[in-house]
């Protein structure tokens, strides 16, 4: 009985420590050492906040680069972040992917089916992924350039400028934040 009481006290102490003090320590660390004092990085255009840079957003117009599809709620809903949990043999999932490929090809008629990047037709695990690979951005350059009446080389150079390199050149992969890329395009249009 003495051991049981001691175990309960230790369990209670750990519960309090990890549910209060540990979170407090992380919050203080984020305030001191974290980017933007631990708050979400917001993206602005013309002085107005247009979104959170670390949360994916839905872009469907041809003048914008598109991100990955989302299964979070009605799409990019942070309150219901999750993947579909459907496997690659699920018929419903395969139908969704096929429909996305068909839609992607309608907007990118210069591509063949085999050229459609897998990440552009499959949702991320969180459903909120803000980034795509440079390859997925490059296949969209022609569509965006035509829709905006811009030179393809200029649009490609904007993509090149927004590529984020791996941390210290080692950790992670190259990626393109879709919201930041679309903001860069809007800023170029505003300069014209």
N, C-alpha and C. Protein backbone atom coordinates (compact mmCIF):
# COMPACT_ATOMS: atom_id res chain seq x y z
N UNK A 1 0.82 -1.20 0.00
CA UNK A 1 0.00 0.00 0.00
C UNK A 1 0.86 1.26 0.00
N UNK A 2 1.96 1.18 0.74
CA UNK A 2 2.88 2.31 0.81
C UNK A 2 3.47 2.61 -0.57
N UNK A 3 3.80 1.58 -1.33
CA UNK A 3 4.35 1.73 -2.68
C UNK A 3 3.31 2.29 -3.63
N UNK A 4 2.07 1.87 -3.49
CA UNK A 4 0.99 2.36 -4.33
C UNK A 4 0.78 3.85 -4.12
N UNK A 5 0.78 4.30 -2.88
CA UNK A 5 0.59 5.71 -2.56
C UNK A 5 1.75 6.54 -3.11
N UNK A 6 2.95 6.00 -2.98
CA UNK A 6 4.13 6.69 -3.50
C UNK A 6 4.05 6.80 -5.03
N UNK A 7 3.62 5.74 -5.69
CA UNK A 7 3.47 5.75 -7.15
C UNK A 7 2.43 6.77 -7.61
N UNK A 8 1.33 6.87 -6.88
CA UNK A 8 0.29 7.85 -7.22
C UNK A 8 0.81 9.27 -7.07
N UNK A 9 1.60 9.53 -6.03
CA UNK A 9 2.17 10.87 -5.83
C UNK A 9 3.13 11.23 -6.96
N UNK A 10 3.97 10.26 -7.34
CA UNK A 10 4.92 10.50 -8.44
C UNK A 10 4.16 10.74 -9.75
N UNK A 11 3.15 9.94 -10.00
CA UNK A 11 2.34 10.11 -11.21
C UNK A 11 1.68 11.48 -11.24
N UNK A 12 1.11 11.91 -10.13
CA UNK A 12 0.48 13.22 -10.04
C UNK A 12 1.50 14.33 -10.26
N UNK A 13 2.69 14.19 -9.67
CA UNK A 13 3.74 15.20 -9.83
C UNK A 13 4.16 15.30 -11.30
N UNK A 14 4.34 14.16 -11.96
CA UNK A 14 4.71 14.18 -13.37
C UNK A 14 3.60 14.77 -14.23
N UNK A 15 2.36 14.47 -13.92
CA UNK A 15 1.23 15.04 -14.68
C UNK A 15 1.23 16.56 -14.57
N UNK A 16 1.42 17.08 -13.38
CA UNK A 16 1.45 18.53 -13.19
C UNK A 16 2.65 19.12 -13.91
N UNK A 17 3.80 18.48 -13.74
CA UNK A 17 5.01 19.00 -14.38
C UNK A 17 4.85 19.06 -15.89
N UNK A 18 4.45 17.96 -16.50
CA UNK A 18 4.39 17.91 -17.96
C UNK A 18 3.20 18.66 -18.54
N UNK A 19 2.14 18.85 -17.80
CA UNK A 19 1.00 19.57 -18.36
C UNK A 19 1.07 21.07 -18.09
N UNK A 20 1.88 21.51 -17.17
CA UNK A 20 1.97 22.93 -16.86
C UNK A 20 3.38 23.47 -17.09
N UNK A 21 4.32 22.98 -16.32
CA UNK A 21 5.66 23.56 -16.36
C UNK A 21 6.39 23.31 -17.67
N UNK A 22 6.25 22.14 -18.23
CA UNK A 22 6.91 21.83 -19.48
C UNK A 22 6.40 22.75 -20.59
N UNK A 23 5.09 22.93 -20.67
CA UNK A 23 4.50 23.81 -21.68
C UNK A 23 4.94 25.25 -21.44
N UNK A 24 5.00 25.66 -20.18
CA UNK A 24 5.46 27.01 -19.83
C UNK A 24 6.91 27.21 -20.28
N UNK A 25 7.75 26.21 -20.06
CA UNK A 25 9.15 26.30 -20.47
C UNK A 25 9.25 26.43 -21.99
N UNK A 26 8.48 25.64 -22.72
CA UNK A 26 8.49 25.74 -24.19
C UNK A 26 7.99 27.10 -24.66
N UNK A 27 6.97 27.63 -24.02
CA UNK A 27 6.43 28.94 -24.39
C UNK A 27 7.48 30.03 -24.16
N UNK A 28 8.17 29.98 -23.02
CA UNK A 28 9.21 30.97 -22.72
C UNK A 28 10.35 30.86 -23.73
N UNK A 29 10.74 29.63 -24.05
CA UNK A 29 11.80 29.42 -25.04
C UNK A 29 11.38 30.01 -26.39
N UNK A 30 10.14 29.78 -26.80
CA UNK A 30 9.65 30.31 -28.08
C UNK A 30 9.65 31.83 -28.07
N UNK A 31 9.31 32.45 -26.94
CA UNK A 31 9.30 33.91 -26.85
C UNK A 31 10.69 34.49 -27.01
N UNK A 32 11.70 33.78 -26.50
CA UNK A 32 13.07 34.28 -26.52
C UNK A 32 13.80 33.88 -27.80
N UNK A 33 13.72 32.61 -28.17
CA UNK A 33 14.55 32.10 -29.26
C UNK A 33 13.79 31.79 -30.54
N UNK A 34 12.48 31.72 -30.47
CA UNK A 34 11.70 31.33 -31.65
C UNK A 34 11.51 32.48 -32.62
N UNK A 35 11.33 32.14 -33.90
CA UNK A 35 11.04 33.19 -34.88
C UNK A 35 9.67 33.80 -34.59
N UNK A 36 9.56 35.11 -34.73
CA UNK A 36 8.29 35.81 -34.55
C UNK A 36 7.71 35.58 -33.15
N UNK A 37 8.60 35.40 -32.18
CA UNK A 37 8.22 35.18 -30.77
C UNK A 37 7.24 34.03 -30.60
N UNK A 38 7.41 33.00 -31.39
CA UNK A 38 6.58 31.81 -31.26
C UNK A 38 5.21 31.92 -31.91
N UNK A 39 4.92 33.02 -32.53
CA UNK A 39 3.63 33.20 -33.20
C UNK A 39 3.73 32.78 -34.67
N UNK A 40 2.60 32.57 -35.28
CA UNK A 40 2.58 32.18 -36.68
C UNK A 40 3.19 33.28 -37.54
N UNK A 41 3.91 32.87 -38.57
CA UNK A 41 4.47 33.83 -39.51
C UNK A 41 3.36 34.24 -40.47
N UNK A 42 3.04 35.52 -40.47
CA UNK A 42 1.97 36.00 -41.34
C UNK A 42 2.57 36.57 -42.62
N UNK A 43 1.83 36.44 -43.70
CA UNK A 43 2.25 36.98 -44.99
C UNK A 43 1.37 38.19 -45.30
N UNK A 44 2.00 39.24 -45.79
CA UNK A 44 1.27 40.47 -46.08
C UNK A 44 1.43 40.85 -47.55
N UNK A 45 0.42 41.56 -48.04
CA UNK A 45 0.44 42.13 -49.38
C UNK A 45 -0.19 43.50 -49.28
N UNK A 46 0.53 44.50 -49.73
CA UNK A 46 0.07 45.89 -49.66
C UNK A 46 -0.30 46.29 -48.23
N UNK A 47 0.48 45.79 -47.26
CA UNK A 47 0.27 46.16 -45.87
C UNK A 47 -0.87 45.42 -45.18
N UNK A 48 -1.53 44.51 -45.86
CA UNK A 48 -2.63 43.75 -45.29
C UNK A 48 -2.21 42.29 -45.10
N UNK A 49 -2.60 41.70 -43.98
CA UNK A 49 -2.32 40.29 -43.75
C UNK A 49 -3.21 39.47 -44.67
N UNK A 50 -2.59 38.59 -45.47
CA UNK A 50 -3.36 37.77 -46.41
C UNK A 50 -3.36 36.29 -46.04
N UNK A 51 -2.62 35.93 -45.00
CA UNK A 51 -2.63 34.54 -44.57
C UNK A 51 -1.45 34.20 -43.69
N UNK A 52 -1.49 33.00 -43.16
CA UNK A 52 -0.38 32.46 -42.38
C UNK A 52 0.53 31.71 -43.34
N UNK A 53 1.81 32.02 -43.30
CA UNK A 53 2.75 31.44 -44.26
C UNK A 53 2.98 29.95 -44.02
N UNK A 54 2.69 29.47 -42.82
CA UNK A 54 2.96 28.05 -42.54
C UNK A 54 1.70 27.19 -42.57
N UNK A 55 0.63 27.71 -43.14
CA UNK A 55 -0.61 26.94 -43.32
C UNK A 55 -1.03 27.05 -44.79
N UNK A 56 -1.27 25.92 -45.40
CA UNK A 56 -1.66 25.91 -46.81
C UNK A 56 -2.98 26.64 -47.04
N UNK A 57 -3.15 27.14 -48.25
CA UNK A 57 -4.36 27.86 -48.62
C UNK A 57 -4.80 27.39 -49.99
N UNK A 58 -6.08 27.52 -50.26
CA UNK A 58 -6.60 27.05 -51.54
C UNK A 58 -6.49 28.14 -52.60
N UNK A 59 -5.83 27.78 -53.69
CA UNK A 59 -5.75 28.63 -54.86
C UNK A 59 -6.28 27.81 -56.03
N UNK A 60 -7.26 28.32 -56.75
CA UNK A 60 -7.85 27.57 -57.86
C UNK A 60 -7.81 28.32 -59.18
N UNK A 61 -7.54 29.61 -59.14
CA UNK A 61 -7.49 30.38 -60.38
C UNK A 61 -6.18 30.11 -61.12
N UNK A 62 -6.23 30.19 -62.43
CA UNK A 62 -5.05 29.91 -63.25
C UNK A 62 -3.94 30.95 -63.06
N UNK A 63 -4.26 32.13 -62.56
CA UNK A 63 -3.23 33.16 -62.37
C UNK A 63 -2.37 32.89 -61.14
N UNK A 64 -2.72 31.88 -60.35
CA UNK A 64 -1.96 31.54 -59.14
C UNK A 64 -1.35 30.15 -59.23
N UNK A 65 -0.26 29.98 -58.51
CA UNK A 65 0.29 28.64 -58.33
C UNK A 65 -0.60 27.91 -57.34
N UNK A 66 -0.77 26.62 -57.54
CA UNK A 66 -1.62 25.82 -56.68
C UNK A 66 -0.75 25.02 -55.71
N UNK A 67 -1.30 24.78 -54.53
CA UNK A 67 -0.64 23.93 -53.55
C UNK A 67 -1.21 22.52 -53.61
N UNK A 68 -0.84 21.74 -52.62
CA UNK A 68 -1.34 20.36 -52.56
C UNK A 68 -2.81 20.35 -52.19
N UNK A 69 -3.54 19.33 -52.63
CA UNK A 69 -4.94 19.20 -52.21
C UNK A 69 -5.02 19.00 -50.70
N UNK A 70 -6.19 19.29 -50.13
CA UNK A 70 -6.37 19.17 -48.69
C UNK A 70 -7.62 18.35 -48.36
N UNK A 71 -7.50 17.50 -47.36
CA UNK A 71 -8.65 16.76 -46.83
C UNK A 71 -9.10 17.34 -45.50
N UNK A 72 -8.51 18.44 -45.06
CA UNK A 72 -8.84 19.03 -43.76
C UNK A 72 -10.16 19.78 -43.86
N UNK A 73 -11.22 19.20 -43.35
CA UNK A 73 -12.55 19.83 -43.41
C UNK A 73 -12.97 20.03 -44.85
N UNK A 74 -13.37 21.26 -45.17
CA UNK A 74 -13.74 21.60 -46.55
C UNK A 74 -12.53 22.03 -47.36
N UNK A 75 -11.36 21.83 -46.83
CA UNK A 75 -10.12 22.20 -47.50
C UNK A 75 -9.37 23.25 -46.71
N UNK A 76 -8.19 22.90 -46.25
CA UNK A 76 -7.31 23.79 -45.50
C UNK A 76 -7.97 24.35 -44.23
N UNK A 77 -8.79 23.55 -43.59
CA UNK A 77 -9.46 23.95 -42.34
C UNK A 77 -8.61 23.46 -41.17
N UNK A 78 -7.91 24.38 -40.51
CA UNK A 78 -7.01 24.01 -39.42
C UNK A 78 -7.75 23.38 -38.24
N UNK A 79 -9.04 23.64 -38.12
CA UNK A 79 -9.81 23.06 -37.02
C UNK A 79 -10.05 21.56 -37.22
N UNK A 80 -9.89 21.08 -38.42
CA UNK A 80 -10.07 19.64 -38.66
C UNK A 80 -8.93 19.10 -39.52
N UNK A 81 -7.73 19.40 -39.09
CA UNK A 81 -6.53 18.99 -39.80
C UNK A 81 -6.35 17.48 -39.72
N UNK A 82 -6.31 16.87 -40.88
CA UNK A 82 -6.03 15.43 -40.96
C UNK A 82 -5.99 15.01 -42.41
N UNK A 83 -5.43 13.86 -42.62
CA UNK A 83 -5.45 13.26 -43.95
C UNK A 83 -6.73 12.46 -44.11
N UNK A 84 -6.88 11.83 -45.24
CA UNK A 84 -8.09 11.05 -45.48
C UNK A 84 -8.00 9.66 -44.85
N UNK A 85 -6.77 9.21 -44.56
CA UNK A 85 -6.52 7.86 -44.03
C UNK A 85 -6.96 6.77 -44.98
N UNK A 86 -7.06 7.08 -46.24
CA UNK A 86 -7.40 6.08 -47.25
C UNK A 86 -6.11 5.60 -47.89
N UNK A 87 -5.98 4.30 -48.01
CA UNK A 87 -4.77 3.71 -48.57
C UNK A 87 -4.78 3.69 -50.08
N UNK A 88 -3.64 3.35 -50.68
CA UNK A 88 -3.51 3.37 -52.14
C UNK A 88 -4.32 2.28 -52.85
N UNK A 89 -4.96 1.39 -52.11
CA UNK A 89 -5.82 0.39 -52.75
C UNK A 89 -7.29 0.71 -52.57
N UNK A 90 -7.60 1.80 -51.88
CA UNK A 90 -8.98 2.20 -51.65
C UNK A 90 -9.57 2.76 -52.95
N UNK A 91 -10.67 2.19 -53.39
CA UNK A 91 -11.28 2.60 -54.67
C UNK A 91 -11.71 4.06 -54.66
N UNK A 92 -12.28 4.52 -53.56
CA UNK A 92 -12.72 5.92 -53.47
C UNK A 92 -11.53 6.87 -53.57
N UNK A 93 -10.45 6.52 -52.90
CA UNK A 93 -9.23 7.32 -52.94
C UNK A 93 -8.67 7.37 -54.36
N UNK A 94 -8.61 6.22 -55.00
CA UNK A 94 -8.09 6.16 -56.37
C UNK A 94 -8.95 6.99 -57.33
N UNK A 95 -10.25 6.99 -57.11
CA UNK A 95 -11.16 7.81 -57.94
C UNK A 95 -10.88 9.29 -57.73
N UNK A 96 -10.65 9.69 -56.48
CA UNK A 96 -10.34 11.10 -56.18
C UNK A 96 -9.05 11.52 -56.86
N UNK A 97 -8.03 10.68 -56.77
CA UNK A 97 -6.75 10.99 -57.40
C UNK A 97 -6.90 11.09 -58.92
N UNK A 98 -7.63 10.17 -59.50
CA UNK A 98 -7.86 10.20 -60.96
C UNK A 98 -8.58 11.48 -61.37
N UNK A 99 -9.57 11.88 -60.58
CA UNK A 99 -10.31 13.12 -60.88
C UNK A 99 -9.38 14.33 -60.77
N UNK A 100 -8.50 14.33 -59.77
CA UNK A 100 -7.56 15.44 -59.62
C UNK A 100 -6.57 15.48 -60.79
N UNK A 101 -6.13 14.31 -61.24
CA UNK A 101 -5.22 14.26 -62.39
C UNK A 101 -5.92 14.84 -63.62
N UNK A 102 -7.16 14.44 -63.84
CA UNK A 102 -7.92 14.95 -64.99
C UNK A 102 -8.08 16.46 -64.92
N UNK A 103 -8.40 16.98 -63.73
CA UNK A 103 -8.55 18.43 -63.55
C UNK A 103 -7.23 19.14 -63.79
N UNK A 104 -6.15 18.57 -63.26
CA UNK A 104 -4.83 19.17 -63.44
C UNK A 104 -4.47 19.23 -64.92
N UNK A 105 -4.78 18.17 -65.65
CA UNK A 105 -4.46 18.14 -67.09
C UNK A 105 -5.31 19.10 -67.90
N UNK A 106 -6.53 19.36 -67.47
CA UNK A 106 -7.38 20.34 -68.15
C UNK A 106 -6.72 21.72 -68.08
N UNK A 107 -6.15 22.04 -66.94
CA UNK A 107 -5.52 23.35 -66.75
C UNK A 107 -4.06 23.37 -67.23
N UNK A 108 -3.50 22.22 -67.48
CA UNK A 108 -2.12 22.11 -67.95
C UNK A 108 -2.09 21.19 -69.19
N UNK A 109 -2.70 21.61 -70.29
CA UNK A 109 -2.81 20.73 -71.47
C UNK A 109 -1.47 20.41 -72.11
N UNK A 110 -0.45 21.13 -71.77
CA UNK A 110 0.88 20.88 -72.32
C UNK A 110 1.59 19.72 -71.62
N UNK A 111 0.98 19.18 -70.56
CA UNK A 111 1.57 18.04 -69.84
C UNK A 111 0.94 16.73 -70.29
N UNK A 112 1.68 15.66 -70.13
CA UNK A 112 1.14 14.32 -70.31
C UNK A 112 0.81 13.78 -68.93
N UNK A 113 -0.03 12.79 -68.89
CA UNK A 113 -0.47 12.19 -67.61
C UNK A 113 0.72 11.82 -66.71
N UNK A 114 1.76 11.27 -67.30
CA UNK A 114 2.92 10.82 -66.53
C UNK A 114 3.72 11.99 -65.96
N UNK A 115 3.50 13.20 -66.47
CA UNK A 115 4.25 14.38 -66.02
C UNK A 115 3.60 15.09 -64.84
N UNK A 116 2.40 14.67 -64.44
CA UNK A 116 1.70 15.32 -63.32
C UNK A 116 2.39 14.90 -62.02
N UNK A 117 2.91 15.86 -61.25
CA UNK A 117 3.58 15.49 -59.99
C UNK A 117 2.59 14.85 -59.01
N UNK A 118 3.01 13.77 -58.38
CA UNK A 118 2.14 13.05 -57.45
C UNK A 118 1.65 13.95 -56.32
N UNK A 119 2.51 14.86 -55.85
CA UNK A 119 2.10 15.71 -54.73
C UNK A 119 0.98 16.70 -55.10
N UNK A 120 0.80 16.94 -56.40
CA UNK A 120 -0.24 17.87 -56.81
C UNK A 120 -1.62 17.21 -56.89
N UNK A 121 -1.67 15.89 -56.73
CA UNK A 121 -2.95 15.18 -56.81
C UNK A 121 -3.21 14.33 -55.57
N UNK A 122 -2.29 14.35 -54.61
CA UNK A 122 -2.48 13.62 -53.35
C UNK A 122 -2.36 14.60 -52.20
N UNK A 123 -3.23 14.47 -51.21
CA UNK A 123 -3.22 15.38 -50.07
C UNK A 123 -2.13 15.01 -49.08
N UNK A 124 -1.63 16.01 -48.37
CA UNK A 124 -0.63 15.75 -47.34
C UNK A 124 -1.31 15.17 -46.11
N UNK A 125 -0.53 14.63 -45.20
CA UNK A 125 -1.08 14.00 -43.99
C UNK A 125 -1.86 14.99 -43.13
N UNK A 126 -1.38 16.21 -43.04
CA UNK A 126 -2.07 17.21 -42.21
C UNK A 126 -3.21 17.88 -42.97
N UNK A 127 -3.11 17.91 -44.28
CA UNK A 127 -4.09 18.64 -45.08
C UNK A 127 -3.83 20.13 -45.09
N UNK A 128 -2.72 20.57 -44.48
CA UNK A 128 -2.42 22.00 -44.36
C UNK A 128 -1.05 22.36 -44.91
N UNK A 129 -0.46 21.48 -45.70
CA UNK A 129 0.90 21.68 -46.19
C UNK A 129 1.00 22.96 -47.03
N UNK A 130 1.84 23.92 -46.62
CA UNK A 130 1.95 25.18 -47.36
C UNK A 130 2.96 25.14 -48.50
N UNK A 131 3.74 24.07 -48.59
CA UNK A 131 4.85 24.03 -49.53
C UNK A 131 4.65 22.97 -50.61
N UNK A 132 5.30 23.23 -51.74
CA UNK A 132 5.40 22.24 -52.81
C UNK A 132 6.87 22.17 -53.21
N UNK A 133 7.22 21.14 -53.95
CA UNK A 133 8.60 21.03 -54.44
C UNK A 133 8.81 22.00 -55.59
N UNK A 134 10.05 22.39 -55.84
CA UNK A 134 10.30 23.25 -57.01
C UNK A 134 9.80 22.61 -58.31
N UNK A 135 9.90 21.29 -58.44
CA UNK A 135 9.43 20.62 -59.65
C UNK A 135 7.93 20.84 -59.86
N UNK A 136 7.16 20.81 -58.76
CA UNK A 136 5.71 21.03 -58.87
C UNK A 136 5.40 22.49 -59.22
N UNK A 137 6.26 23.39 -58.82
CA UNK A 137 6.08 24.80 -59.20
C UNK A 137 6.43 25.00 -60.67
N UNK A 138 7.52 24.36 -61.11
CA UNK A 138 7.96 24.54 -62.49
C UNK A 138 6.94 24.03 -63.51
N UNK A 139 6.21 22.95 -63.19
CA UNK A 139 5.23 22.46 -64.17
C UNK A 139 4.04 23.41 -64.30
N UNK A 140 3.88 24.33 -63.34
CA UNK A 140 2.77 25.28 -63.39
C UNK A 140 3.17 26.62 -64.02
N UNK A 141 4.46 26.82 -64.26
CA UNK A 141 4.96 28.11 -64.76
C UNK A 141 4.26 28.53 -66.05
N UNK A 142 4.14 27.63 -67.00
CA UNK A 142 3.54 27.98 -68.30
C UNK A 142 2.09 28.43 -68.13
N UNK A 143 1.30 27.71 -67.31
CA UNK A 143 -0.10 28.07 -67.09
C UNK A 143 -0.20 29.46 -66.46
N UNK A 144 0.58 29.69 -65.41
CA UNK A 144 0.52 30.98 -64.70
C UNK A 144 0.97 32.11 -65.61
N UNK A 145 2.05 31.89 -66.36
CA UNK A 145 2.55 32.93 -67.27
C UNK A 145 1.50 33.29 -68.32
N UNK A 146 0.87 32.27 -68.92
CA UNK A 146 -0.17 32.53 -69.92
C UNK A 146 -1.36 33.26 -69.31
N UNK A 147 -1.79 32.85 -68.13
CA UNK A 147 -2.95 33.46 -67.49
C UNK A 147 -2.69 34.91 -67.10
N UNK A 148 -1.45 35.22 -66.76
CA UNK A 148 -1.10 36.59 -66.35
C UNK A 148 -0.57 37.43 -67.50
N UNK A 149 -0.37 36.81 -68.65
CA UNK A 149 0.20 37.56 -69.78
C UNK A 149 1.65 37.94 -69.53
N UNK A 150 2.37 37.09 -68.83
CA UNK A 150 3.77 37.35 -68.50
C UNK A 150 4.67 36.41 -69.30
N UNK A 151 5.94 36.77 -69.35
CA UNK A 151 6.94 35.93 -69.99
C UNK A 151 7.23 34.74 -69.08
N UNK A 152 7.30 33.54 -69.66
CA UNK A 152 7.57 32.33 -68.87
C UNK A 152 8.88 32.43 -68.11
N UNK A 153 9.90 33.00 -68.75
CA UNK A 153 11.21 33.11 -68.10
C UNK A 153 11.12 33.98 -66.84
N UNK A 154 10.28 35.03 -66.89
CA UNK A 154 10.12 35.91 -65.73
C UNK A 154 9.42 35.16 -64.59
N UNK A 155 8.37 34.41 -64.91
CA UNK A 155 7.66 33.64 -63.89
C UNK A 155 8.58 32.59 -63.30
N UNK A 156 9.38 31.93 -64.16
CA UNK A 156 10.32 30.93 -63.67
C UNK A 156 11.35 31.56 -62.74
N UNK A 157 11.80 32.76 -63.06
CA UNK A 157 12.78 33.43 -62.19
C UNK A 157 12.17 33.78 -60.83
N UNK A 158 10.88 34.09 -60.81
CA UNK A 158 10.21 34.35 -59.53
C UNK A 158 10.16 33.06 -58.70
N UNK A 159 9.88 31.94 -59.36
CA UNK A 159 9.92 30.64 -58.66
C UNK A 159 11.32 30.40 -58.11
N UNK A 160 12.33 30.62 -58.95
CA UNK A 160 13.72 30.41 -58.51
C UNK A 160 14.05 31.24 -57.27
N UNK A 161 13.56 32.47 -57.23
CA UNK A 161 13.86 33.36 -56.10
C UNK A 161 13.16 32.94 -54.81
N UNK A 162 12.04 32.23 -54.93
CA UNK A 162 11.29 31.85 -53.74
C UNK A 162 11.61 30.45 -53.22
N UNK A 163 12.52 29.75 -53.89
CA UNK A 163 12.89 28.40 -53.41
C UNK A 163 13.64 28.54 -52.08
N UNK A 164 13.15 27.80 -51.10
CA UNK A 164 13.81 27.77 -49.79
C UNK A 164 14.74 26.57 -49.76
N UNK A 165 16.00 26.82 -49.49
CA UNK A 165 17.01 25.77 -49.46
C UNK A 165 16.93 24.99 -48.14
N UNK A 166 17.50 23.78 -48.10
CA UNK A 166 17.52 23.01 -46.85
C UNK A 166 18.28 23.77 -45.75
N UNK A 167 17.87 23.56 -44.52
CA UNK A 167 18.52 24.20 -43.38
C UNK A 167 19.99 23.81 -43.34
N UNK A 168 20.87 24.79 -43.31
CA UNK A 168 22.32 24.60 -43.31
C UNK A 168 22.80 23.79 -44.52
N UNK A 169 21.97 23.74 -45.55
CA UNK A 169 22.32 23.01 -46.75
C UNK A 169 22.25 21.49 -46.58
N UNK A 170 21.79 21.03 -45.41
CA UNK A 170 21.78 19.60 -45.12
C UNK A 170 20.43 19.03 -44.73
N UNK A 171 19.67 19.76 -43.94
CA UNK A 171 18.46 19.22 -43.33
C UNK A 171 17.21 19.63 -44.09
N UNK A 172 16.47 18.65 -44.55
CA UNK A 172 15.25 18.90 -45.30
C UNK A 172 15.50 18.90 -46.79
N UNK A 173 14.52 19.37 -47.52
CA UNK A 173 14.62 19.42 -48.98
C UNK A 173 14.29 20.83 -49.45
N UNK A 174 14.57 21.09 -50.71
CA UNK A 174 14.18 22.38 -51.27
C UNK A 174 12.66 22.42 -51.34
N UNK A 175 12.09 23.60 -51.09
CA UNK A 175 10.64 23.73 -51.14
C UNK A 175 10.27 25.15 -51.54
N UNK A 176 9.02 25.29 -51.96
CA UNK A 176 8.49 26.58 -52.36
C UNK A 176 7.21 26.81 -51.57
N UNK A 177 7.15 27.91 -50.82
CA UNK A 177 5.94 28.26 -50.10
C UNK A 177 4.97 28.88 -51.11
N UNK A 178 3.83 28.24 -51.30
CA UNK A 178 2.89 28.64 -52.35
C UNK A 178 2.33 30.05 -52.09
N UNK A 179 1.99 30.36 -50.85
CA UNK A 179 1.45 31.69 -50.55
C UNK A 179 2.49 32.77 -50.83
N UNK A 180 3.72 32.56 -50.40
CA UNK A 180 4.77 33.56 -50.64
C UNK A 180 5.05 33.71 -52.14
N UNK A 181 5.00 32.61 -52.88
CA UNK A 181 5.20 32.67 -54.32
C UNK A 181 4.10 33.49 -54.99
N UNK A 182 2.85 33.25 -54.60
CA UNK A 182 1.73 34.00 -55.19
C UNK A 182 1.78 35.48 -54.79
N UNK A 183 2.25 35.77 -53.59
CA UNK A 183 2.41 37.17 -53.18
C UNK A 183 3.49 37.84 -54.03
N UNK A 184 4.59 37.13 -54.28
CA UNK A 184 5.65 37.68 -55.14
C UNK A 184 5.11 37.99 -56.53
N UNK A 185 4.24 37.13 -57.06
CA UNK A 185 3.63 37.39 -58.37
C UNK A 185 2.74 38.63 -58.32
N UNK A 186 1.94 38.75 -57.27
CA UNK A 186 1.07 39.92 -57.14
C UNK A 186 1.88 41.21 -57.02
N UNK A 187 2.99 41.16 -56.31
CA UNK A 187 3.84 42.36 -56.17
C UNK A 187 4.44 42.76 -57.50
N UNK A 188 4.82 41.79 -58.34
CA UNK A 188 5.32 42.09 -59.67
C UNK A 188 4.22 42.73 -60.51
N UNK A 189 3.00 42.19 -60.42
CA UNK A 189 1.87 42.76 -61.16
C UNK A 189 1.56 44.19 -60.71
N UNK A 190 1.72 44.45 -59.40
CA UNK A 190 1.43 45.79 -58.87
C UNK A 190 2.45 46.81 -59.34
N UNK A 191 3.68 46.34 -59.66
CA UNK A 191 4.73 47.24 -60.12
C UNK A 191 4.47 47.68 -61.56
N UNK A 192 3.85 46.80 -62.35
CA UNK A 192 3.61 47.11 -63.78
C UNK A 192 2.85 48.38 -63.97
